[in-house]
C-alpha cells in the first residue's frame, strides 16, 4: 500500500481524487497524510518489536478497534496482520 501511495504521489496528482462513490478534495494532501500515518505506524511497530514486545502486545498498542476491521474484512485485516506485514517489510 505504501509503495502504491508513493507512486500515485509521484504523479503529482491534481487537487481531487475520484474514488467511488464520492469526490475527495485535496486528494494529494490526503494521500500524503495516509502515507505519513503508515510510515509512523511502521516505525512504532519496529520500535516496539526492537524493545522486545511480543506480537499480541504490539497489536494491542496500535490505534483503533481491531474487531471492527476483522468483521468488516472477513478476517483479511487485523492489527496482528498489519504488524506482521511491517516486520516483513524491508
PDB file of N, CA and C in Angstrom:
ATOM      1  N   UNK A   1       0.828  -1.180   0.000  1.00  0.00           N
ATOM      2  CA  UNK A   1       0.000   0.000   0.000  1.00  0.00           C
ATOM      3  C   UNK A   1       0.875   1.248   0.000  1.00  0.00           C
ATOM      4  N   UNK A   2       1.926   1.218   0.794  1.00  0.00           N
ATOM      5  CA  UNK A   2       2.787   2.393   0.868  1.00  0.00           C
ATOM      6  C   UNK A   2       3.477   2.650  -0.470  1.00  0.00           C
ATOM      7  N   UNK A   3       3.925   1.601  -1.144  1.00  0.00           N
ATOM      8  CA  UNK A   3       4.540   1.774  -2.461  1.00  0.00           C
ATOM      9  C   UNK A   3       3.543   2.355  -3.458  1.00  0.00           C
ATOM     10  N   UNK A   4       2.306   1.886  -3.406  1.00  0.00           N
ATOM     11  CA  UNK A   4       1.277   2.417  -4.298  1.00  0.00           C
ATOM     12  C   UNK A   4       1.019   3.891  -4.020  1.00  0.00           C
ATOM     13  N   UNK A   5       0.943   4.266  -2.762  1.00  0.00           N
ATOM     14  CA  UNK A   5       0.734   5.673  -2.422  1.00  0.00           C
ATOM     15  C   UNK A   5       1.889   6.521  -2.933  1.00  0.00           C
ATOM     16  N   UNK A   6       3.112   6.020  -2.778  1.00  0.00           N
ATOM     17  CA  UNK A   6       4.278   6.772  -3.270  1.00  0.00           C
ATOM     18  C   UNK A   6       4.226   6.942  -4.785  1.00  0.00           C
ATOM     19  N   UNK A   7       3.812   5.902  -5.518  1.00  0.00           N
ATOM     20  CA  UNK A   7       3.717   6.002  -6.985  1.00  0.00           C
ATOM     21  C   UNK A   7       2.664   7.028  -7.403  1.00  0.00           C
ATOM     22  N   UNK A   8       1.519   7.006  -6.748  1.00  0.00           N
ATOM     23  CA  UNK A   8       0.468   7.970  -7.086  1.00  0.00           C
ATOM     24  C   UNK A   8       0.930   9.383  -6.763  1.00  0.00           C
ATOM     25  N   UNK A   9       1.560   9.566  -5.610  1.00  0.00           N
ATOM     26  CA  UNK A   9       2.024  10.902  -5.242  1.00  0.00           C
ATOM     27  C   UNK A   9       3.127  11.388  -6.171  1.00  0.00           C
ATOM     28  N   UNK A  10       3.927  10.465  -6.706  1.00  0.00           N
ATOM     29  CA  UNK A  10       4.977  10.852  -7.648  1.00  0.00           C
ATOM     30  C   UNK A  10       4.391  11.412  -8.937  1.00  0.00           C
ATOM     31  N   UNK A  11       3.154  11.081  -9.229  1.00  0.00           N
ATOM     32  CA  UNK A  11       2.484  11.614 -10.418  1.00  0.00           C
ATOM     33  C   UNK A  11       2.026  13.051 -10.215  1.00  0.00           C
ATOM     34  N   UNK A  12       2.212  13.541  -8.993  1.00  0.00           N
ATOM     35  CA  UNK A  12       1.778  14.894  -8.632  1.00  0.00           C
ATOM     36  C   UNK A  12       0.311  15.089  -8.986  1.00  0.00           C
ATOM     37  N   UNK A  13      -0.495  14.248  -8.376  1.00  0.00           N
ATOM     38  CA  UNK A  13      -1.940  14.266  -8.620  1.00  0.00           C
ATOM     39  C   UNK A  13      -2.503  15.661  -8.385  1.00  0.00           C
ATOM     40  N   UNK A  14      -3.492  16.004  -9.171  1.00  0.00           N
ATOM     41  CA  UNK A  14      -4.169  17.301  -9.021  1.00  0.00           C
ATOM     42  C   UNK A  14      -4.934  17.321  -7.702  1.00  0.00           C
ATOM     43  N   UNK A  15      -5.693  18.353  -7.468  1.00  0.00           N
ATOM     44  CA  UNK A  15      -6.352  18.562  -6.195  1.00  0.00           C
ATOM     45  C   UNK A  15      -7.509  17.648  -5.878  1.00  0.00           C
ATOM     46  N   UNK A  16      -7.880  16.713  -6.731  1.00  0.00           N
ATOM     47  CA  UNK A  16      -9.027  15.857  -6.437  1.00  0.00           C
ATOM     48  C   UNK A  16      -8.719  14.405  -6.800  1.00  0.00           C
ATOM     49  N   UNK A  17      -9.151  13.519  -5.952  1.00  0.00           N
ATOM     50  CA  UNK A  17      -9.104  12.093  -6.222  1.00  0.00           C
ATOM     51  C   UNK A  17     -10.550  11.658  -6.334  1.00  0.00           C
ATOM     52  N   UNK A  18     -10.865  10.829  -7.284  1.00  0.00           N
ATOM     53  CA  UNK A  18     -12.254  10.480  -7.530  1.00  0.00           C
ATOM     54  C   UNK A  18     -12.534   8.998  -7.269  1.00  0.00           C
ATOM     55  N   UNK A  19     -12.425   8.574  -6.022  1.00  0.00           N
ATOM     56  CA  UNK A  19     -12.803   7.198  -5.723  1.00  0.00           C
ATOM     57  C   UNK A  19     -14.318   7.110  -5.679  1.00  0.00           C
ATOM     58  N   UNK A  20     -14.850   5.983  -6.061  1.00  0.00           N
ATOM     59  CA  UNK A  20     -16.305   5.820  -5.957  1.00  0.00           C
ATOM     60  C   UNK A  20     -16.648   5.747  -4.485  1.00  0.00           C
ATOM     61  N   UNK A  21     -17.711   6.254  -4.030  1.00  0.00           N
ATOM     62  CA  UNK A  21     -18.788   6.907  -4.768  1.00  0.00           C
ATOM     63  C   UNK A  21     -18.770   8.418  -4.637  1.00  0.00           C
ATOM     64  N   UNK A  22     -17.684   9.012  -4.128  1.00  0.00           N
ATOM     65  CA  UNK A  22     -17.736  10.464  -3.936  1.00  0.00           C
ATOM     66  C   UNK A  22     -16.398  11.118  -4.256  1.00  0.00           C
ATOM     67  N   UNK A  23     -16.443  12.421  -4.460  1.00  0.00           N
ATOM     68  CA  UNK A  23     -15.246  13.215  -4.745  1.00  0.00           C
ATOM     69  C   UNK A  23     -14.522  13.519  -3.426  1.00  0.00           C
ATOM     70  N   UNK A  24     -13.197  13.517  -3.471  1.00  0.00           N
ATOM     71  CA  UNK A  24     -12.383  13.850  -2.307  1.00  0.00           C
ATOM     72  C   UNK A  24     -11.519  15.045  -2.673  1.00  0.00           C
ATOM     73  N   UNK A  25     -11.778  16.198  -2.056  1.00  0.00           N
ATOM     74  CA  UNK A  25     -10.969  17.386  -2.320  1.00  0.00           C
ATOM     75  C   UNK A  25      -9.610  17.252  -1.654  1.00  0.00           C
ATOM     76  N   UNK A  26      -8.635  17.928  -2.204  1.00  0.00           N
ATOM     77  CA  UNK A  26      -7.258  17.895  -1.702  1.00  0.00           C
ATOM     78  C   UNK A  26      -6.749  16.456  -1.615  1.00  0.00           C
ATOM     79  N   UNK A  27      -6.985  15.725  -2.689  1.00  0.00           N
ATOM     80  CA  UNK A  27      -6.652  14.304  -2.715  1.00  0.00           C
ATOM     81  C   UNK A  27      -5.187  14.019  -2.468  1.00  0.00           C
ATOM     82  N   UNK A  28      -4.293  14.778  -3.097  1.00  0.00           N
ATOM     83  CA  UNK A  28      -2.859  14.532  -2.915  1.00  0.00           C
ATOM     84  C   UNK A  28      -2.463  14.738  -1.459  1.00  0.00           C
ATOM     85  N   UNK A  29      -2.998  15.765  -0.822  1.00  0.00           N
ATOM     86  CA  UNK A  29      -2.676  16.009   0.590  1.00  0.00           C
ATOM     87  C   UNK A  29      -3.215  14.881   1.466  1.00  0.00           C
ATOM     88  N   UNK A  30      -4.409  14.388   1.153  1.00  0.00           N
ATOM     89  CA  UNK A  30      -4.994  13.281   1.931  1.00  0.00           C
ATOM     90  C   UNK A  30      -4.167  12.009   1.766  1.00  0.00           C
ATOM     91  N   UNK A  31      -3.708  11.753   0.524  1.00  0.00           N
ATOM     92  CA  UNK A  31      -2.861  10.581   0.298  1.00  0.00           C
ATOM     93  C   UNK A  31      -1.528  10.709   1.025  1.00  0.00           C
ATOM     94  N   UNK A  32      -0.960  11.923   1.039  1.00  0.00           N
ATOM     95  CA  UNK A  32       0.288  12.166   1.763  1.00  0.00           C
ATOM     96  C   UNK A  32       0.095  11.933   3.261  1.00  0.00           C
ATOM     97  N   UNK A  33      -1.051  12.385   3.791  1.00  0.00           N
ATOM     98  CA  UNK A  33      -1.359  12.158   5.206  1.00  0.00           C
ATOM     99  C   UNK A  33      -1.442  10.666   5.507  1.00  0.00           C
ATOM    100  N   UNK A  34      -2.081   9.909   4.623  1.00  0.00           N
ATOM    101  CA  UNK A  34      -2.200   8.458   4.824  1.00  0.00           C
ATOM    102  C   UNK A  34      -0.823   7.806   4.790  1.00  0.00           C
ATOM    103  N   UNK A  35       0.010   8.211   3.836  1.00  0.00           N
ATOM    104  CA  UNK A  35       1.361   7.666   3.757  1.00  0.00           C
ATOM    105  C   UNK A  35       2.157   8.010   5.011  1.00  0.00           C
ATOM    106  N   UNK A  36       2.084   9.251   5.448  1.00  0.00           N
ATOM    107  CA  UNK A  36       2.791   9.658   6.672  1.00  0.00           C
ATOM    108  C   UNK A  36       2.334   8.833   7.873  1.00  0.00           C
ATOM    109  N   UNK A  37       1.026   8.601   7.977  1.00  0.00           N
ATOM    110  CA  UNK A  37       0.488   7.800   9.067  1.00  0.00           C
ATOM    111  C   UNK A  37       1.065   6.386   9.024  1.00  0.00           C
ATOM    112  N   UNK A  38       1.087   5.784   7.845  1.00  0.00           N
ATOM    113  CA  UNK A  38       1.598   4.420   7.723  1.00  0.00           C
ATOM    114  C   UNK A  38       3.095   4.348   8.012  1.00  0.00           C
ATOM    115  N   UNK A  39       3.853   5.350   7.582  1.00  0.00           N
ATOM    116  CA  UNK A  39       5.295   5.386   7.871  1.00  0.00           C
ATOM    117  C   UNK A  39       5.514   5.463   9.378  1.00  0.00           C
ATOM    118  N   UNK A  40       4.774   6.345  10.054  1.00  0.00           N
ATOM    119  CA  UNK A  40       4.898   6.472  11.510  1.00  0.00           C
ATOM    120  C   UNK A  40       4.452   5.203  12.223  1.00  0.00           C
ATOM    121  N   UNK A  41       3.383   4.579  11.737  1.00  0.00           N
ATOM    122  CA  UNK A  41       2.893   3.344  12.328  1.00  0.00           C
ATOM    123  C   UNK A  41       3.938   2.238  12.195  1.00  0.00           C
ATOM    124  N   UNK A  42       4.537   2.131  11.019  1.00  0.00           N
ATOM    125  CA  UNK A  42       5.589   1.134  10.811  1.00  0.00           C
ATOM    126  C   UNK A  42       6.782   1.369  11.723  1.00  0.00           C
ATOM    127  N   UNK A  43       7.158   2.627  11.892  1.00  0.00           N
ATOM    128  CA  UNK A  43       8.274   2.948  12.778  1.00  0.00           C
ATOM    129  C   UNK A  43       7.942   2.559  14.222  1.00  0.00           C
ATOM    130  N   UNK A  44       6.715   2.805  14.633  1.00  0.00           N
ATOM    131  CA  UNK A  44       6.299   2.436  16.001  1.00  0.00           C
ATOM    132  C   UNK A  44       6.323   0.925  16.185  1.00  0.00           C
ATOM    133  N   UNK A  45       5.821   0.191  15.200  1.00  0.00           N
ATOM    134  CA  UNK A  45       5.812  -1.272  15.286  1.00  0.00           C
ATOM    135  C   UNK A  45       7.242  -1.796  15.384  1.00  0.00           C
ATOM    136  N   UNK A  46       8.125  -1.301  14.536  1.00  0.00           N
ATOM    137  CA  UNK A  46       9.523  -1.760  14.566  1.00  0.00           C
ATOM    138  C   UNK A  46      10.204  -1.377  15.877  1.00  0.00           C
ATOM    139  N   UNK A  47       9.882  -0.204  16.399  1.00  0.00           N
ATOM    140  CA  UNK A  47      10.448   0.231  17.682  1.00  0.00           C
ATOM    141  C   UNK A  47      10.017  -0.715  18.797  1.00  0.00           C
ATOM    142  N   UNK A  48       8.723  -0.988  18.878  1.00  0.00           N
ATOM    143  CA  UNK A  48       8.220  -1.869  19.936  1.00  0.00           C
ATOM    144  C   UNK A  48       8.794  -3.278  19.791  1.00  0.00           C
ATOM    145  N   UNK A  49       8.901  -3.750  18.563  1.00  0.00           N
ATOM    146  CA  UNK A  49       9.485  -5.072  18.324  1.00  0.00           C
ATOM    147  C   UNK A  49      10.950  -5.089  18.786  1.00  0.00           C
ATOM    148  N   UNK A  50      11.670  -4.038  18.472  1.00  0.00           N
ATOM    149  CA  UNK A  50      13.067  -3.915  18.890  1.00  0.00           C
ATOM    150  C   UNK A  50      13.231  -3.851  20.397  1.00  0.00           C
ATOM    151  N   UNK A  51      12.210  -3.393  21.090  1.00  0.00           N
ATOM    152  CA  UNK A  51      12.235  -3.326  22.559  1.00  0.00           C
ATOM    153  C   UNK A  51      11.818  -4.644  23.187  1.00  0.00           C
ATOM    154  N   UNK A  52      11.553  -5.656  22.343  1.00  0.00           N
ATOM    155  CA  UNK A  52      11.220  -6.973  22.859  1.00  0.00           C
ATOM    156  C   UNK A  52       9.747  -7.246  23.060  1.00  0.00           C
ATOM    157  N   UNK A  53       8.884  -6.369  22.570  1.00  0.00           N
ATOM    158  CA  UNK A  53       7.450  -6.587  22.714  1.00  0.00           C
ATOM    159  C   UNK A  53       7.038  -7.766  21.841  1.00  0.00           C
ATOM    160  N   UNK A  54       6.104  -8.566  22.312  1.00  0.00           N
ATOM    161  CA  UNK A  54       5.557  -9.675  21.547  1.00  0.00           C
ATOM    162  C   UNK A  54       4.504  -9.210  20.559  1.00  0.00           C
ATOM    163  N   UNK A  55       4.120 -10.107  19.656  1.00  0.00           N
ATOM    164  CA  UNK A  55       3.169  -9.771  18.610  1.00  0.00           C
ATOM    165  C   UNK A  55       1.833  -9.283  19.129  1.00  0.00           C
ATOM    166  N   UNK A  56       1.283  -9.971  20.122  1.00  0.00           N
ATOM    167  CA  UNK A  56      -0.007  -9.574  20.674  1.00  0.00           C
ATOM    168  C   UNK A  56       0.050  -8.225  21.352  1.00  0.00           C
ATOM    169  N   UNK A  57       1.125  -7.966  22.081  1.00  0.00           N
ATOM    170  CA  UNK A  57       1.273  -6.684  22.779  1.00  0.00           C
ATOM    171  C   UNK A  57       1.394  -5.532  21.782  1.00  0.00           C
ATOM    172  N   UNK A  58       2.135  -5.764  20.719  1.00  0.00           N
ATOM    173  CA  UNK A  58       2.267  -4.726  19.690  1.00  0.00           C
ATOM    174  C   UNK A  58       0.910  -4.459  19.052  1.00  0.00           C
ATOM    175  N   UNK A  59       0.197  -5.513  18.697  1.00  0.00           N
ATOM    176  CA  UNK A  59      -1.120  -5.344  18.067  1.00  0.00           C
ATOM    177  C   UNK A  59      -2.057  -4.565  18.975  1.00  0.00           C
ATOM    178  N   UNK A  60      -2.063  -4.866  20.257  1.00  0.00           N
ATOM    179  CA  UNK A  60      -2.943  -4.143  21.191  1.00  0.00           C
ATOM    180  C   UNK A  60      -2.544  -2.688  21.339  1.00  0.00           C
ATOM    181  N   UNK A  61      -1.270  -2.370  21.130  1.00  0.00           N
ATOM    182  CA  UNK A  61      -0.789  -0.992  21.282  1.00  0.00           C
ATOM    183  C   UNK A  61      -1.121  -0.125  20.061  1.00  0.00           C
ATOM    184  N   UNK A  62      -1.548  -0.737  18.960  1.00  0.00           N
ATOM    185  CA  UNK A  62      -1.867   0.036  17.759  1.00  0.00           C
ATOM    186  C   UNK A  62      -3.219   0.717  17.918  1.00  0.00           C
ATOM    187  N   UNK A  63      -3.384   1.865  17.259  1.00  0.00           N
ATOM    188  CA  UNK A  63      -4.635   2.614  17.413  1.00  0.00           C
ATOM    189  C   UNK A  63      -5.818   1.928  16.737  1.00  0.00           C
ATOM    190  N   UNK A  64      -7.003   2.221  17.218  1.00  0.00           N
ATOM    191  CA  UNK A  64      -8.226   1.759  16.585  1.00  0.00           C
ATOM    192  C   UNK A  64      -8.725   0.422  17.089  1.00  0.00           C
ATOM    193  N   UNK A  65      -9.916   0.080  16.629  1.00  0.00           N
ATOM    194  CA  UNK A  65     -10.584  -1.150  17.032  1.00  0.00           C
ATOM    195  C   UNK A  65     -10.269  -2.272  16.048  1.00  0.00           C
ATOM    196  N   UNK A  66      -9.660  -3.327  16.532  1.00  0.00           N
ATOM    197  CA  UNK A  66      -9.329  -4.471  15.693  1.00  0.00           C
ATOM    198  C   UNK A  66     -10.583  -5.257  15.319  1.00  0.00           C
ATOM    199  N   UNK A  67     -11.536  -5.362  16.214  1.00  0.00           N
ATOM    200  CA  UNK A  67     -12.740  -6.157  15.980  1.00  0.00           C
ATOM    201  C   UNK A  67     -13.506  -5.660  14.757  1.00  0.00           C
ATOM    202  N   UNK A  68     -13.684  -4.353  14.669  1.00  0.00           N
ATOM    203  CA  UNK A  68     -14.405  -3.782  13.524  1.00  0.00           C
ATOM    204  C   UNK A  68     -13.757  -4.210  12.217  1.00  0.00           C
ATOM    205  N   UNK A  69     -12.446  -4.065  12.083  1.00  0.00           N
ATOM    206  CA  UNK A  69     -11.752  -4.382  10.837  1.00  0.00           C
ATOM    207  C   UNK A  69     -11.797  -5.874  10.530  1.00  0.00           C
ATOM    208  N   UNK A  70     -11.659  -6.710  11.539  1.00  0.00           N
ATOM    209  CA  UNK A  70     -11.716  -8.156  11.298  1.00  0.00           C
ATOM    210  C   UNK A  70     -13.097  -8.569  10.793  1.00  0.00           C
ATOM    211  N   UNK A  71     -14.148  -8.009  11.376  1.00  0.00           N
ATOM    212  CA  UNK A  71     -15.514  -8.348  10.947  1.00  0.00           C
ATOM    213  C   UNK A  71     -15.780  -7.792   9.554  1.00  0.00           C
ATOM    214  N   UNK A  72     -15.456  -6.529   9.324  1.00  0.00           N
ATOM    215  CA  UNK A  72     -15.747  -5.856   8.071  1.00  0.00           C
ATOM    216  C   UNK A  72     -15.020  -6.492   6.896  1.00  0.00           C
ATOM    217  N   UNK A  73     -13.789  -6.988   7.119  1.00  0.00           N
ATOM    218  CA  UNK A  73     -12.999  -7.562   6.025  1.00  0.00           C
ATOM    219  C   UNK A  73     -13.013  -9.086   6.037  1.00  0.00           C
ATOM    220  N   UNK A  74     -13.856  -9.687   6.846  1.00  0.00           N
ATOM    221  CA  UNK A  74     -13.919 -11.140   6.899  1.00  0.00           C
ATOM    222  C   UNK A  74     -12.625 -11.765   7.393  1.00  0.00           C
ATOM    223  N   UNK A  75     -11.905 -11.045   8.226  1.00  0.00           N
ATOM    224  CA  UNK A  75     -10.663 -11.555   8.790  1.00  0.00           C
ATOM    225  C   UNK A  75      -9.431 -11.271   7.948  1.00  0.00           C
ATOM    226  N   UNK A  76      -9.611 -10.622   6.793  1.00  0.00           N
ATOM    227  CA  UNK A  76      -8.454 -10.326   5.941  1.00  0.00           C
ATOM    228  C   UNK A  76      -7.554  -9.245   6.537  1.00  0.00           C
ATOM    229  N   UNK A  77      -8.113  -8.392   7.376  1.00  0.00           N
ATOM    230  CA  UNK A  77      -7.318  -7.332   8.005  1.00  0.00           C
ATOM    231  C   UNK A  77      -7.433  -7.457   9.505  1.00  0.00           C
ATOM    232  N   UNK A  78      -6.315  -7.364  10.168  1.00  0.00           N
ATOM    233  CA  UNK A  78      -6.296  -7.308  11.621  1.00  0.00           C
ATOM    234  C   UNK A  78      -5.021  -6.587  12.041  1.00  0.00           C
ATOM    235  N   UNK A  79      -4.979  -6.154  13.266  1.00  0.00           N
ATOM    236  CA  UNK A  79      -3.779  -5.486  13.764  1.00  0.00           C
ATOM    237  C   UNK A  79      -2.587  -6.441  13.748  1.00  0.00           C
ATOM    238  N   UNK A  80      -2.820  -7.715  14.034  1.00  0.00           N
ATOM    239  CA  UNK A  80      -1.721  -8.689  14.014  1.00  0.00           C
ATOM    240  C   UNK A  80      -1.159  -8.856  12.604  1.00  0.00           C
ATOM    241  N   UNK A  81      -2.033  -8.871  11.601  1.00  0.00           N
ATOM    242  CA  UNK A  81      -1.562  -8.989  10.225  1.00  0.00           C
ATOM    243  C   UNK A  81      -0.814  -7.721   9.802  1.00  0.00           C
ATOM    244  N   UNK A  82      -1.286  -6.573  10.247  1.00  0.00           N
ATOM    245  CA  UNK A  82      -0.604  -5.320   9.945  1.00  0.00           C
ATOM    246  C   UNK A  82       0.784  -5.320  10.570  1.00  0.00           C
ATOM    247  N   UNK A  83       0.861  -5.742  11.825  1.00  0.00           N
ATOM    248  CA  UNK A  83       2.164  -5.823  12.499  1.00  0.00           C
ATOM    249  C   UNK A  83       3.095  -6.757  11.751  1.00  0.00           C
ATOM    250  N   UNK A  84       2.595  -7.923  11.377  1.00  0.00           N
ATOM    251  CA  UNK A  84       3.415  -8.896  10.667  1.00  0.00           C
ATOM    252  C   UNK A  84       3.909  -8.338   9.328  1.00  0.00           C
ATOM    253  N   UNK A  85       3.052  -7.611   8.624  1.00  0.00           N
ATOM    254  CA  UNK A  85       3.435  -7.041   7.339  1.00  0.00           C
ATOM    255  C   UNK A  85       4.556  -6.021   7.504  1.00  0.00           C
ATOM    256  N   UNK A  86       4.473  -5.186   8.510  1.00  0.00           N
ATOM    257  CA  UNK A  86       5.522  -4.192   8.721  1.00  0.00           C
ATOM    258  C   UNK A  86       6.826  -4.839   9.137  1.00  0.00           C
ATOM    259  N   UNK A  87       6.773  -5.909   9.868  1.00  0.00           N
ATOM    260  CA  UNK A  87       8.010  -6.569  10.294  1.00  0.00           C
ATOM    261  C   UNK A  87       8.643  -7.360   9.157  1.00  0.00           C
ATOM    262  N   UNK A  88       7.856  -7.746   8.144  1.00  0.00           N
ATOM    263  CA  UNK A  88       8.411  -8.415   6.962  1.00  0.00           C
ATOM    264  C   UNK A  88       8.990  -7.410   5.972  1.00  0.00           C
ATOM    265  N   UNK A  89       8.470  -6.191   5.992  1.00  0.00           N
ATOM    266  CA  UNK A  89       8.882  -5.175   5.016  1.00  0.00           C
ATOM    267  C   UNK A  89      10.338  -4.772   5.260  1.00  0.00           C
ATOM    268  N   UNK A  90      11.035  -4.437   4.166  1.00  0.00           N
ATOM    269  CA  UNK A  90      12.452  -4.008   4.310  1.00  0.00           C
ATOM    270  C   UNK A  90      12.583  -2.688   5.024  1.00  0.00           C
TER     271      UNK A  90
END
